Amino acid sequence: MRELTYREAEAKAVKVLADGVGEGLVLLGEGGYYALYYFFSLYGRKAPHPEETPDWVEGPKPSPEGFRPPYDQARWLEAHGYTLFVNESK
């Protein structure tokens, strides 16, 4: 899941979480559902690049419900000490 590009993940998404910070694409994978978070506004962009890989992956969970919107996920990560959650390979 970590290596899926936005284009690949978008095609497989069963749910999309979107707000002003980014998009969370929820996919069914091995062991359950995963949310792939693309925090594109942190780079000053209005949309993710099609070949971009996710900044953060959460899961697996038994249901596609319960994943946070991107803004809430970014704040949760910061509150829990994940200060370098943005994919450094970008």
Protein backbone atom coordinates (compact mmCIF):
# COMPACT_ATOMS: atom_id res chain seq x y z
CA MET A 1 0.00 0.00 0.00
CA ARG A 2 2.83 2.38 0.83
CA GLU A 3 4.08 2.39 -2.76
CA LEU A 4 0.75 2.92 -4.54
CA THR A 5 0.61 6.12 -6.54
CA TYR A 6 -2.36 8.41 -6.19
CA ARG A 7 -3.57 7.35 -9.66
CA GLU A 8 -3.46 3.63 -8.71
CA ALA A 9 -5.07 4.17 -5.31
CA GLU A 10 -7.83 6.41 -6.68
CA ALA A 11 -8.84 3.68 -9.14
CA LYS A 12 -9.19 1.15 -6.28
CA ALA A 13 -10.71 3.44 -3.63
CA VAL A 14 -13.94 2.34 -1.96
CA LYS A 15 -14.22 5.66 -0.12
CA VAL A 16 -12.64 9.12 -0.46
CA LEU A 17 -12.03 11.46 2.48
CA ALA A 18 -11.28 14.96 1.21
CA ASP A 19 -10.78 18.38 2.77
CA GLY A 20 -8.50 21.39 2.36
CA VAL A 21 -5.42 19.53 3.60
CA GLY A 22 -5.52 16.50 1.34
CA GLU A 23 -7.26 13.27 0.48
CA GLY A 24 -7.58 9.98 2.26
CA LEU A 25 -8.29 7.11 -0.12
CA VAL A 26 -9.73 4.04 1.59
CA LEU A 27 -8.88 0.73 -0.07
CA LEU A 28 -9.51 -2.92 0.67
CA GLY A 29 -6.22 -4.73 1.05
CA GLU A 30 -4.65 -7.72 2.72
CA GLY A 31 -6.13 -8.03 6.20
CA GLY A 32 -8.74 -5.27 5.90
CA TYR A 33 -9.19 -1.65 4.92
CA TYR A 34 -6.41 0.93 4.68
CA ALA A 35 -6.48 4.71 4.33
CA LEU A 36 -3.75 6.21 2.16
CA TYR A 37 -3.31 9.89 3.01
CA TYR A 38 -2.02 12.39 0.47
CA PHE A 39 -1.38 15.74 2.22
CA PHE A 40 -0.94 17.83 -0.95
CA SER A 41 -1.81 21.25 0.53
CA LEU A 42 1.25 20.99 2.77
CA TYR A 43 3.23 21.41 -0.47
CA GLY A 44 1.15 24.42 -1.55
CA ARG A 45 -0.79 22.44 -4.16
CA LYS A 46 -4.54 22.19 -4.72
CA ALA A 47 -4.54 18.55 -5.80
CA PRO A 48 -2.27 15.52 -5.53
CA HIS A 49 0.05 14.66 -8.40
CA PRO A 50 -1.06 11.41 -10.11
CA GLU A 51 2.32 9.72 -9.47
CA GLU A 52 2.59 10.83 -5.83
CA THR A 53 2.90 8.15 -3.14
CA PRO A 54 1.03 8.48 0.17
CA ASP A 55 2.40 10.51 3.06
CA TRP A 56 0.79 8.24 5.62
CA VAL A 57 -0.94 4.84 5.57
CA GLU A 58 -3.31 3.74 8.32
CA GLY A 59 -4.77 0.27 8.75
CA PRO A 60 -5.78 -2.43 8.52
CA LYS A 61 -9.26 -1.95 9.97
CA PRO A 62 -12.22 -4.34 9.63
CA SER A 63 -14.44 -1.67 8.03
CA PRO A 64 -13.99 1.31 5.71
CA GLU A 65 -15.60 3.46 8.42
CA GLY A 66 -13.72 5.21 11.20
CA PHE A 67 -10.83 6.70 9.26
CA ARG A 68 -10.20 10.39 9.96
CA PRO A 69 -10.46 13.15 7.34
CA PRO A 70 -6.98 14.36 6.25
CA TYR A 71 -6.97 17.50 8.43
CA ASP A 72 -7.93 15.52 11.54
CA GLN A 73 -5.38 12.81 10.70
CA ALA A 74 -2.57 15.35 10.28
CA ARG A 75 -3.46 16.99 13.63
CA TRP A 76 -3.65 13.57 15.33
CA LEU A 77 -0.22 12.65 13.98
CA GLU A 78 1.28 15.90 15.24
CA ALA A 79 -0.39 15.53 18.66
CA HIS A 80 1.10 12.04 19.01
CA GLY A 81 4.67 13.03 18.16
CA TYR A 82 4.74 12.22 14.46
CA THR A 83 6.34 15.44 13.34
CA LEU A 84 7.88 14.00 10.16
CA PHE A 85 4.87 12.15 8.77
CA VAL A 86 5.16 13.75 5.32
CA ASN A 87 6.74 11.33 2.87
CA GLU A 88 10.38 12.48 2.69
CA SER A 89 10.88 10.89 -0.72
CA LYS A 90 8.81 13.64 -2.37
